[in-house]
C-alpha atoms as a PDB file:
ATOM      1  CA  MET A   1     -23.133  66.555 -33.233  1.00  0.00           C
ATOM      2  CA  LYS A   2     -22.936  68.147 -30.250  1.00  0.00           C
ATOM      3  CA  SER A   3     -21.616  64.844 -28.843  1.00  0.00           C
ATOM      4  CA  ILE A   4     -18.601  64.581 -31.595  1.00  0.00           C
ATOM      5  CA  ALA A   5     -17.379  68.107 -30.869  1.00  0.00           C
ATOM      6  CA  ALA A   6     -17.175  67.155 -26.782  1.00  0.00           C
ATOM      7  CA  ILE A   7     -15.442  63.664 -28.120  1.00  0.00           C
ATOM      8  CA  VAL A   8     -13.262  65.492 -29.698  1.00  0.00           C
ATOM      9  CA  LEU A   9     -12.571  68.188 -27.617  1.00  0.00           C
ATOM     10  CA  LEU A  10     -11.599  65.464 -24.928  1.00  0.00           C
ATOM     11  CA  LEU A  11      -9.773  64.044 -27.068  1.00  0.00           C
ATOM     12  CA  VAL A  12      -7.440  67.027 -27.630  1.00  0.00           C
ATOM     13  CA  ALA A  13      -7.426  67.280 -23.760  1.00  0.00           C
ATOM     14  CA  ILE A  14      -5.640  64.333 -23.152  1.00  0.00           C
ATOM     15  CA  ALA A  15      -3.122  64.588 -26.043  1.00  0.00           C
ATOM     16  CA  ALA A  16      -1.957  67.824 -25.139  1.00  0.00           C
ATOM     17  CA  GLY A  17      -2.332  67.225 -21.139  1.00  0.00           C
ATOM     18  CA  THR A  18      -0.250  63.574 -21.848  1.00  0.00           C
ATOM     19  CA  TRP A  19       2.564  65.307 -24.113  1.00  0.00           C
ATOM     20  CA  SER A  20       3.051  68.357 -21.548  1.00  0.00           C
ATOM     21  CA  ASP A  21       3.119  65.916 -18.239  1.00  0.00           C
ATOM     22  CA  ARG A  22       5.463  63.774 -19.595  1.00  0.00           C
ATOM     23  CA  ALA A  23       8.907  63.710 -17.765  1.00  0.00           C
ATOM     24  CA  GLN A  24      11.871  65.951 -18.814  1.00  0.00           C
ATOM     25  CA  ILE A  25      14.671  63.503 -19.144  1.00  0.00           C
ATOM     26  CA  HIS A  26      17.749  65.922 -20.164  1.00  0.00           C
ATOM     27  CA  ALA A  27      21.506  64.774 -19.590  1.00  0.00           C
ATOM     28  CA  PRO A  28      23.113  66.558 -17.056  1.00  0.00           C
ATOM     29  CA  ILE A  29      24.736  70.162 -18.227  1.00  0.00           C
ATOM     30  CA  SER A  30      28.540  70.902 -17.125  1.00  0.00           C
ATOM     31  CA  VAL A  31      29.482  74.810 -17.722  1.00  0.00           C
ATOM     32  CA  GLY A  32      32.750  76.113 -16.602  1.00  0.00           C
ATOM     33  CA  GLY A  33      33.890  73.027 -14.814  1.00  0.00           C
ATOM     34  CA  TYR A  34      30.664  72.955 -12.714  1.00  0.00           C
ATOM     35  CA  ARG A  35      27.431  70.668 -12.907  1.00  0.00           C
ATOM     36  CA  VAL A  36      24.388  72.862 -13.559  1.00  0.00           C
ATOM     37  CA  LEU A  37      21.697  72.113 -11.597  1.00  0.00           C
ATOM     38  CA  ALA A  38      18.084  73.413 -12.065  1.00  0.00           C
ATOM     39  CA  ALA A  39      16.769  74.047  -8.834  1.00  0.00           C
ATOM     40  CA  ASP A  40      13.464  75.571  -7.478  1.00  0.00           C
ATOM     41  CA  PHE A  41      14.137  76.818  -3.880  1.00  0.00           C
ATOM     42  CA  HIS A  42      10.398  77.879  -2.599  1.00  0.00           C
ATOM     43  CA  VAL A  43       7.716  74.585  -3.008  1.00  0.00           C
ATOM     44  CA  HIS A  44       4.603  74.282  -0.868  1.00  0.00           C
ATOM     45  CA  SER A  45       3.048  70.570   0.112  1.00  0.00           C
ATOM     46  CA  THR A  46      -0.078  69.624   1.845  1.00  0.00           C
ATOM     47  CA  PHE A  47      -0.054  66.671   5.001  1.00  0.00           C
ATOM     48  CA  PRO A  48       0.196  69.560   6.744  1.00  0.00           C
ATOM     49  CA  GLY A  49       0.803  73.021   4.294  1.00  0.00           C
ATOM     50  CA  ALA A  50      -1.354  75.529   1.930  1.00  0.00           C
ATOM     51  CA  ALA A  51      -1.193  73.224  -1.248  1.00  0.00           C
ATOM     52  CA  LEU A  52      -2.237  70.492  -3.346  1.00  0.00           C
ATOM     53  CA  LEU A  53      -0.054  68.111  -3.597  1.00  0.00           C
ATOM     54  CA  GLY A  54       1.416  65.954  -0.756  1.00  0.00           C
ATOM     55  CA  PRO A  55       5.674  65.972  -0.384  1.00  0.00           C
ATOM     56  CA  TRP A  56       5.719  62.698  -1.660  1.00  0.00           C
ATOM     57  CA  ASP A  57       3.429  64.150  -4.869  1.00  0.00           C
ATOM     58  CA  LEU A  58       6.289  66.892  -5.226  1.00  0.00           C
ATOM     59  CA  VAL A  59       9.073  64.417  -5.728  1.00  0.00           C
ATOM     60  CA  LEU A  60       7.787  63.068  -8.574  1.00  0.00           C
ATOM     61  CA  GLU A  61       6.284  66.394 -10.149  1.00  0.00           C
ATOM     62  CA  ALA A  62       9.425  67.595  -9.571  1.00  0.00           C
ATOM     63  CA  ARG A  63      11.215  65.193 -12.193  1.00  0.00           C
ATOM     64  CA  ARG A  64       8.299  65.470 -14.874  1.00  0.00           C
ATOM     65  CA  GLN A  65       9.515  69.095 -14.968  1.00  0.00           C
ATOM     66  CA  GLY A  66      13.005  68.719 -15.112  1.00  0.00           C
ATOM     67  CA  ILE A  67      13.717  69.948 -11.627  1.00  0.00           C
ATOM     68  CA  GLU A  68      16.802  68.339  -9.974  1.00  0.00           C
ATOM     69  CA  ALA A  69      16.713  69.452  -6.601  1.00  0.00           C
ATOM     70  CA  PHE A  70      14.365  72.096  -5.045  1.00  0.00           C
ATOM     71  CA  ALA A  71      13.641  73.445  -1.325  1.00  0.00           C
ATOM     72  CA  LEU A  72       9.984  72.097   0.564  1.00  0.00           C
ATOM     73  CA  THR A  73       9.717  75.487   2.682  1.00  0.00           C
ATOM     74  CA  PRO A  74       6.430  74.916   4.245  1.00  0.00           C
ATOM     75  CA  HIS A  75       4.971  77.580   6.255  1.00  0.00           C
ATOM     76  CA  ASN A  76       6.213  78.172   9.583  1.00  0.00           C
ATOM     77  CA  GLN A  77       7.018  74.446  10.157  1.00  0.00           C
ATOM     78  CA  ILE A  78       9.303  71.790   8.146  1.00  0.00           C
ATOM     79  CA  VAL A  79       7.258  68.454   8.961  1.00  0.00           C
ATOM     80  CA  SER A  80       6.563  67.893   5.048  1.00  0.00           C
ATOM     81  CA  ALA A  81       9.594  68.831   4.106  1.00  0.00           C
ATOM     82  CA  LYS A  82      11.426  66.098   6.355  1.00  0.00           C
ATOM     83  CA  ILE A  83       8.826  63.094   4.802  1.00  0.00           C
ATOM     84  CA  GLY A  84       9.777  64.695   1.178  1.00  0.00           C
ATOM     85  CA  ARG A  85      13.069  64.329   1.746  1.00  0.00           C
ATOM     86  CA  TRP A  86      12.686  61.013   3.119  1.00  0.00           C
ATOM     87  CA  PHE A  87      11.069  60.220  -0.084  1.00  0.00           C
ATOM     88  CA  ALA A  88      13.298  61.406  -2.546  1.00  0.00           C
ATOM     89  CA  ARG A  89      15.627  59.636  -0.741  1.00  0.00           C
ATOM     90  CA  LEU A  90      14.162  56.592  -0.911  1.00  0.00           C
ATOM     91  CA  VAL A  91      13.173  56.596  -4.742  1.00  0.00           C
ATOM     92  CA  GLY A  92      16.616  58.167  -5.792  1.00  0.00           C
ATOM     93  CA  GLY A  93      16.095  62.070  -5.844  1.00  0.00           C
ATOM     94  CA  PRO A  94      15.880  64.258  -7.043  1.00  0.00           C
ATOM     95  CA  THR A  95      17.868  66.480  -4.075  1.00  0.00           C
ATOM     96  CA  VAL A  96      14.990  67.612  -1.815  1.00  0.00           C
ATOM     97  CA  ILE A  97      16.415  70.126   0.929  1.00  0.00           C
ATOM     98  CA  VAL A  98      14.402  70.581   4.124  1.00  0.00           C
ATOM     99  CA  GLY A  99      12.913  74.442   4.356  1.00  0.00           C
ATOM    100  CA  GLU A 100      10.343  76.651   5.663  1.00  0.00           C
ATOM    101  CA  GLU A 101       8.700  80.027   4.858  1.00  0.00           C
ATOM    102  CA  VAL A 102       9.181  82.065   7.777  1.00  0.00           C
ATOM    103  CA  ARG A 103       5.904  83.707   7.077  1.00  0.00           C
ATOM    104  CA  ARG A 104       5.726  86.976   9.280  1.00  0.00           C
ATOM    105  CA  LEU A 105       3.213  90.197   8.492  1.00  0.00           C
ATOM    106  CA  ARG A 106       6.025  92.328   7.813  1.00  0.00           C
ATOM    107  CA  TYR A 107       8.747  89.689   6.406  1.00  0.00           C
ATOM    108  CA  HIS A 108       8.516  85.954   4.006  1.00  0.00           C
ATOM    109  CA  LEU A 109      11.531  84.467   4.414  1.00  0.00           C
ATOM    110  CA  ILE A 110      13.148  81.119   2.617  1.00  0.00           C
ATOM    111  CA  ALA A 111      15.029  78.894   5.402  1.00  0.00           C
ATOM    112  CA  ALA A 112      16.483  76.318   3.053  1.00  0.00           C
ATOM    113  CA  GLY A 113      19.334  73.347   4.715  1.00  0.00           C
ATOM    114  CA  ILE A 114      17.355  73.393   7.834  1.00  0.00           C
ATOM    115  CA  GLU A 115      17.064  70.828  10.312  1.00  0.00           C
ATOM    116  CA  ALA A 116      14.804  72.458  13.109  1.00  0.00           C
ATOM    117  CA  ARG A 117      12.170  75.253  12.810  1.00  0.00           C
ATOM    118  CA  ILE A 118      12.518  78.716  12.628  1.00  0.00           C
ATOM    119  CA  ALA A 119       9.676  80.805  15.034  1.00  0.00           C
ATOM    120  CA  PRO A 120       8.139  83.843  13.178  1.00  0.00           C
ATOM    121  CA  THR A 121       8.000  85.528  15.777  1.00  0.00           C
ATOM    122  CA  VAL A 122      11.913  87.446  15.827  1.00  0.00           C
ATOM    123  CA  PRO A 123      13.098  90.620  13.636  1.00  0.00           C
ATOM    124  CA  ALA A 124      14.224  89.284  10.330  1.00  0.00           C
ATOM    125  CA  ALA A 125      17.800  89.851  11.062  1.00  0.00           C
ATOM    126  CA  GLU A 126      17.392  87.362  14.272  1.00  0.00           C
ATOM    127  CA  ALA A 127      15.954  84.655  11.434  1.00  0.00           C
ATOM    128  CA  ILE A 128      18.909  84.673   9.240  1.00  0.00           C
ATOM    129  CA  ALA A 129      21.143  84.179  11.840  1.00  0.00           C
ATOM    130  CA  GLU A 130      19.361  80.828  12.854  1.00  0.00           C
ATOM    131  CA  VAL A 131      19.719  80.157   9.672  1.00  0.00           C
ATOM    132  CA  HIS A 132      22.956  80.339   9.343  1.00  0.00           C
ATOM    133  CA  ARG A 133      23.856  78.946  12.885  1.00  0.00           C
ATOM    134  CA  GLN A 134      21.847  75.282  11.647  1.00  0.00           C
ATOM    135  CA  GLY A 135      24.029  75.734   8.439  1.00  0.00           C
ATOM    136  CA  GLY A 136      21.538  76.565   5.845  1.00  0.00           C
ATOM    137  CA  ALA A 137      21.068  79.604   3.296  1.00  0.00           C
ATOM    138  CA  ALA A 138      18.369  82.401   3.822  1.00  0.00           C
ATOM    139  CA  ILE A 139      16.550  84.012   0.773  1.00  0.00           C
ATOM    140  CA  ALA A 140      14.105  86.879   0.727  1.00  0.00           C
ATOM    141  CA  ALA A 141      10.722  85.473  -0.628  1.00  0.00           C
ATOM    142  CA  HIS A 142       9.273  87.532  -3.108  1.00  0.00           C
ATOM    143  CA  PRO A 143      10.802  90.725  -1.451  1.00  0.00           C
ATOM    144  CA  ILE A 144       8.023  93.309  -3.089  1.00  0.00           C
ATOM    145  CA  ALA A 145       8.059  96.443  -1.566  1.00  0.00           C
ATOM    146  CA  GLU A 146       5.948  96.145   1.467  1.00  0.00           C
ATOM    147  CA  PHE A 147       8.301  93.755   3.337  1.00  0.00           C
ATOM    148  CA  TRP A 148      11.278  96.049   2.253  1.00  0.00           C
ATOM    149  CA  PRO A 149      11.685  97.900   5.673  1.00  0.00           C
ATOM    150  CA  ALA A 150      11.418  94.591   7.622  1.00  0.00           C
ATOM    151  CA  TYR A 151      15.409  93.915   6.632  1.00  0.00           C
ATOM    152  CA  SER A 152      17.593  96.698   8.227  1.00  0.00           C
ATOM    153  CA  GLY A 153      21.402  96.781   7.537  1.00  0.00           C
ATOM    154  CA  ALA A 154      22.325  94.029   9.139  1.00  0.00           C
ATOM    155  CA  ALA A 155      19.527  91.618   7.734  1.00  0.00           C
ATOM    156  CA  LEU A 156      20.825  92.788   4.240  1.00  0.00           C
ATOM    157  CA  ALA A 157      23.986  92.317   5.078  1.00  0.00           C
ATOM    158  CA  GLN A 158      23.292  88.358   6.315  1.00  0.00           C
ATOM    159  CA  LEU A 159      21.076  88.053   2.937  1.00  0.00           C
ATOM    160  CA  ASP A 160      22.155  84.962   0.819  1.00  0.00           C
ATOM    161  CA  GLY A 161      19.831  85.166  -1.735  1.00  0.00           C
ATOM    162  CA  ALA A 162      16.697  87.128  -2.868  1.00  0.00           C
ATOM    163  CA  GLU A 163      13.893  86.246  -5.309  1.00  0.00           C
ATOM    164  CA  VAL A 164      14.566  87.679  -8.371  1.00  0.00           C
ATOM    165  CA  MET A 165      11.756  86.192 -10.403  1.00  0.00           C
ATOM    166  CA  HIS A 166       8.294  84.919  -8.868  1.00  0.00           C
ATOM    167  CA  PRO A 167       5.219  83.846 -11.073  1.00  0.00           C
ATOM    168  CA  ARG A 168       3.349  87.289 -10.314  1.00  0.00           C
ATOM    169  CA  ALA A 169       6.616  89.303 -11.647  1.00  0.00           C
ATOM    170  CA  PHE A 170       5.435  87.541 -15.481  1.00  0.00           C
ATOM    171  CA  PHE A 171       2.122  89.314 -15.187  1.00  0.00           C
ATOM    172  CA  GLU A 172       2.647  92.405 -12.983  1.00  0.00           C
ATOM    173  CA  PRO A 173       5.094  94.951 -14.050  1.00  0.00           C
ATOM    174  CA  ARG A 174       5.310  96.682 -10.448  1.00  0.00           C
ATOM    175  CA  VAL A 175       6.002  93.573  -8.715  1.00  0.00           C
ATOM    176  CA  ARG A 176       9.033  92.566 -11.897  1.00  0.00           C
ATOM    177  CA  LEU A 177      10.699  96.202 -10.636  1.00  0.00           C
ATOM    178  CA  GLU A 178      10.621  95.854  -6.888  1.00  0.00           C
ATOM    179  CA  LEU A 179      12.060  92.617  -7.019  1.00  0.00           C
ATOM    180  CA  GLN A 180      14.875  93.416  -9.265  1.00  0.00           C
ATOM    181  CA  GLN A 181      15.349  96.847  -7.592  1.00  0.00           C
ATOM    182  CA  PHE A 182      15.687  94.758  -4.190  1.00  0.00           C
ATOM    183  CA  LEU A 183      18.398  92.227  -5.248  1.00  0.00           C
ATOM    184  CA  ARG A 184      20.085  95.713  -6.120  1.00  0.00           C
ATOM    185  CA  ARG A 185      20.387  96.376  -2.848  1.00  0.00           C
ATOM    186  CA  GLY A 186      22.958  94.324  -1.385  1.00  0.00           C
ATOM    187  CA  GLY A 187      25.746  91.335  -2.880  1.00  0.00           C
ATOM    188  CA  MET A 188      22.187  88.675  -2.653  1.00  0.00           C
ATOM    189  CA  THR A 189      22.345  85.775  -5.353  1.00  0.00           C
ATOM    190  CA  ALA A 190      19.881  85.852  -7.647  1.00  0.00           C
ATOM    191  CA  ILE A 191      17.022  83.264  -7.105  1.00  0.00           C
ATOM    192  CA  GLY A 192      14.493  82.583  -8.977  1.00  0.00           C
ATOM    193  CA  SER A 193      11.464  80.799  -7.558  1.00  0.00           C
ATOM    194  CA  SER A 194       7.726  78.831  -8.241  1.00  0.00           C
ATOM    195  CA  ASP A 195       6.239  79.603  -4.841  1.00  0.00           C
ATOM    196  CA  TYR A 196       4.573  76.469  -5.977  1.00  0.00           C
ATOM    197  CA  HIS A 197       0.910  75.243  -3.930  1.00  0.00           C
ATOM    198  CA  GLY A 198       0.102  72.876  -7.155  1.00  0.00           C
ATOM    199  CA  ILE A 199      -1.275  75.292  -9.432  1.00  0.00           C
ATOM    200  CA  GLY A 200       0.958  77.130 -12.215  1.00  0.00           C
ATOM    201  CA  ALA A 201       4.257  75.026 -12.832  1.00  0.00           C
ATOM    202  CA  LEU A 202       6.856  73.555 -10.235  1.00  0.00           C
ATOM    203  CA  GLY A 203      10.111  75.014 -11.377  1.00  0.00           C
ATOM    204  CA  LEU A 204       8.834  78.252 -13.550  1.00  0.00           C
ATOM    205  CA  PRO A 205      10.262  79.964 -12.833  1.00  0.00           C
ATOM    206  CA  ARG A 206      13.697  78.275 -11.406  1.00  0.00           C
ATOM    207  CA  THR A 207      17.271  78.975 -10.686  1.00  0.00           C
ATOM    208  CA  TYR A 208      20.375  77.349 -12.391  1.00  0.00           C
ATOM    209  CA  VAL A 209      22.646  76.440 -10.316  1.00  0.00           C
ATOM    210  CA  PHE A 210      26.341  75.690 -10.746  1.00  0.00           C
ATOM    211  CA  ALA A 211      27.405  73.697  -8.612  1.00  0.00           C
ATOM    212  CA  THR A 212      30.308  70.955  -7.616  1.00  0.00           C
ATOM    213  CA  ASP A 213      27.731  68.548  -7.725  1.00  0.00           C
ATOM    214  CA  ALA A 214      24.164  67.376  -6.649  1.00  0.00           C
ATOM    215  CA  SER A 215      24.683  67.558  -3.218  1.00  0.00           C
ATOM    216  CA  GLU A 216      22.450  69.654  -0.412  1.00  0.00           C
ATOM    217  CA  ALA A 217      26.018  70.727   0.528  1.00  0.00           C
ATOM    218  CA  ALA A 218      27.100  71.653  -2.658  1.00  0.00           C
ATOM    219  CA  ILE A 219      23.971  73.119  -3.796  1.00  0.00           C
ATOM    220  CA  LEU A 220      23.738  75.618  -0.682  1.00  0.00           C
ATOM    221  CA  ASP A 221      27.640  76.458  -0.777  1.00  0.00           C
ATOM    222  CA  ALA A 222      26.900  77.430  -4.669  1.00  0.00           C
ATOM    223  CA  VAL A 223      24.122  79.643  -3.310  1.00  0.00           C
ATOM    224  CA  ARG A 224      26.100  81.774  -0.481  1.00  0.00           C
ATOM    225  CA  ALA A 225      28.838  82.056  -3.492  1.00  0.00           C
ATOM    226  CA  GLY A 226      26.908  83.336  -6.004  1.00  0.00           C
ATOM    227  CA  ARG A 227      26.856  80.907  -8.417  1.00  0.00           C
ATOM    228  CA  THR A 228      23.455  81.536 -10.227  1.00  0.00           C
ATOM    229  CA  VAL A 229      21.613  82.324 -13.506  1.00  0.00           C
ATOM    230  CA  VAL A 230      18.420  83.424 -13.541  1.00  0.00           C
ATOM    231  CA  TYR A 231      16.504  83.641 -16.437  1.00  0.00           C
ATOM    232  CA  GLY A 232      13.333  86.895 -16.551  1.00  0.00           C
ATOM    233  CA  VAL A 233      10.396  87.504 -18.471  1.00  0.00           C
ATOM    234  CA  ASP A 234      11.676  88.144 -21.781  1.00  0.00           C
ATOM    235  CA  GLY A 235      14.980  85.949 -21.445  1.00  0.00           C
ATOM    236  CA  GLU A 236      16.812  88.854 -19.673  1.00  0.00           C
ATOM    237  CA  ALA A 237      19.216  87.132 -17.177  1.00  0.00           C
ATOM    238  CA  TYR A 238      20.251  87.440 -13.564  1.00  0.00           C
ATOM    239  CA  GLY A 239      23.217  85.997 -11.057  1.00  0.00           C
ATOM    240  CA  ASP A 240      26.823  86.368 -11.746  1.00  0.00           C
ATOM    241  CA  SER A 241      28.147  87.907 -14.682  1.00  0.00           C
ATOM    242  CA  LYS A 242      30.922  85.278 -15.795  1.00  0.00           C
ATOM    243  CA  LEU A 243      28.520  83.084 -15.342  1.00  0.00           C
ATOM    244  CA  ILE A 244      25.351  84.454 -17.221  1.00  0.00           C
ATOM    245  CA  ARG A 245      28.420  84.493 -20.163  1.00  0.00           C
ATOM    246  CA  LEU A 246      29.479  81.019 -20.233  1.00  0.00           C
ATOM    247  CA  ALA A 247      25.781  79.621 -20.220  1.00  0.00           C
ATOM    248  CA  ALA A 248      24.635  82.066 -23.711  1.00  0.00           C
ATOM    249  CA  ALA A 249      27.973  81.032 -24.994  1.00  0.00           C
ATOM    250  CA  ASP A 250      27.102  77.101 -24.585  1.00  0.00           C
ATOM    251  CA  GLY A 251      23.200  78.050 -25.141  1.00  0.00           C
ATOM    252  CA  ARG A 252      21.273  74.822 -23.488  1.00  0.00           C
ATOM    253  CA  LEU A 253      20.072  77.125 -20.761  1.00  0.00           C
ATOM    254  CA  PRO A 254      17.558  79.613 -22.034  1.00  0.00           C
ATOM    255  CA  ILE A 255      16.189  76.903 -24.680  1.00  0.00           C
ATOM    256  CA  ARG A 256      15.469  74.144 -21.939  1.00  0.00           C
ATOM    257  CA  ASN A 257      14.009  77.833 -19.760  1.00  0.00           C
ATOM    258  CA  LEU A 258      11.529  78.396 -23.010  1.00  0.00           C
ATOM    259  CA  ASP A 259      11.100  74.301 -23.213  1.00  0.00           C
ATOM    260  CA  ASP A 260       9.349  74.761 -19.903  1.00  0.00           C
ATOM    261  CA  ARG A 261       7.085  77.719 -20.806  1.00  0.00           C
ATOM    262  CA  ARG A 262       6.330  76.023 -24.183  1.00  0.00           C
ATOM    263  CA  ASP A 263       4.805  72.956 -21.851  1.00  0.00           C
ATOM    264  CA  ARG A 264       3.498  75.137 -19.733  1.00  0.00           C
ATOM    265  CA  MET A 265       1.167  76.396 -22.603  1.00  0.00           C
ATOM    266  CA  LEU A 266       0.255  72.966 -23.410  1.00  0.00           C
ATOM    267  CA  ALA A 267      -0.491  71.998 -20.008  1.00  0.00           C
ATOM    268  CA  VAL A 268      -3.440  75.365 -20.521  1.00  0.00           C
ATOM    269  CA  ILE A 269      -4.877  74.262 -23.464  1.00  0.00           C
ATOM    270  CA  SER A 270      -5.359  70.642 -22.030  1.00  0.00           C
ATOM    271  CA  ARG A 271      -7.508  72.618 -19.334  1.00  0.00           C
ATOM    272  CA  LEU A 272      -8.862  74.589 -21.681  1.00  0.00           C
ATOM    273  CA  THR A 273     -10.346  71.872 -23.781  1.00  0.00           C
ATOM    274  CA  GLY A 274     -10.791  69.623 -21.077  1.00  0.00           C
ATOM    275  CA  ILE A 275     -13.555  71.913 -20.124  1.00  0.00           C
ATOM    276  CA  PHE A 276     -15.079  73.004 -23.412  1.00  0.00           C
ATOM    277  CA  ALA A 277     -15.273  69.264 -23.702  1.00  0.00           C
ATOM    278  CA  LEU A 278     -17.401  68.925 -20.661  1.00  0.00           C
ATOM    279  CA  LEU A 279     -19.713  71.856 -21.334  1.00  0.00           C
ATOM    280  CA  ALA A 280     -20.105  70.520 -24.926  1.00  0.00           C
ATOM    281  CA  ALA A 281     -21.621  66.765 -23.365  1.00  0.00           C
ATOM    282  CA  THR A 282     -23.396  68.603 -20.794  1.00  0.00           C
ATOM    283  CA  SER A 283     -25.163  70.559 -23.649  1.00  0.00           C
ATOM    284  CA  ALA A 284     -25.259  67.690 -26.067  1.00  0.00           C
ATOM    285  CA  VAL A 285     -27.275  65.445 -22.928  1.00  0.00           C
ATOM    286  CA  TYR A 286     -29.755  68.613 -21.948  1.00  0.00           C
ATOM    287  CA  ALA A 287     -30.573  68.790 -25.862  1.00  0.00           C
ATOM    288  CA  GLY A 288     -31.135  64.893 -25.833  1.00  0.00           C
ATOM    289  CA  ALA A 289     -33.595  65.269 -22.768  1.00  0.00           C
ATOM    290  CA  ALA A 290     -35.406  68.366 -24.265  1.00  0.00           C
ATOM    291  CA  THR A 291     -36.615  66.149 -27.588  1.00  0.00           C
ATOM    292  CA  GLU A 292     -37.493  63.125 -26.183  1.00  0.00           C
ATOM    293  CA  PRO A 293     -41.066  62.975 -26.163  1.00  0.00           C
ATOM    294  CA  THR A 294     -43.055  62.926 -22.901  1.00  0.00           C
ATOM    295  CA  ALA A 295     -45.862  60.365 -22.459  1.00  0.00           C
END
């Protein structure tokens, strides 16, 4: 009986995992005269880096998750980001933006669209200025209250965007509130990022960028201009008020966002049933061994 249960659970795990891992193919969306791109500006890889997937794997994973552009942001280096961009161009997309998560004890900063590493030894305002000197966009990474003192008035005035949605916001009301409060401190663009390290879902949460096209330059221009929409825990929207209204009238973006969360649940079901199948199989093996006659 336990063997049958293990087989059934294994089949459920395979089916749920296969369905949740299918490539999300969506027709391009245009709203208000802009191409709307699903983007993630905070993604990590191994080789080297503190993550589970290599840069080439992330390109393929982004395709599966319906992400049309993402910034590859290793900690304090850009080597793997450049590898990811090269591979994405080789296979025809998605758009990969070379980036770095500048990690200092007092702040974490996303530098998107750079070509040279930014040293994590300078104050936030200087790091932001260097991002701009290289033609990139500077985004405050998960700016919870402990990081606020690092952002002086000069730093806040230069910031292009701030993460108002982060995976921790789904489970920690305090984090959700602090991210919202930081965004309200200045005229920063709303950003939703997954801070993906190989666990969880790439692109959850995500940023809908209203760009003139799918190029890196157009995406960064849209971020600087504030043309984004981000959906929160209960479907609340952050970003440009006009674009939020246009997106609501169009109706396709909130639905796509819900689809992402539904697929994540299937992935969780797949993992849990796989674990239970392994436990049931192990139990059946031990039960069989216990009933064997001894010589």
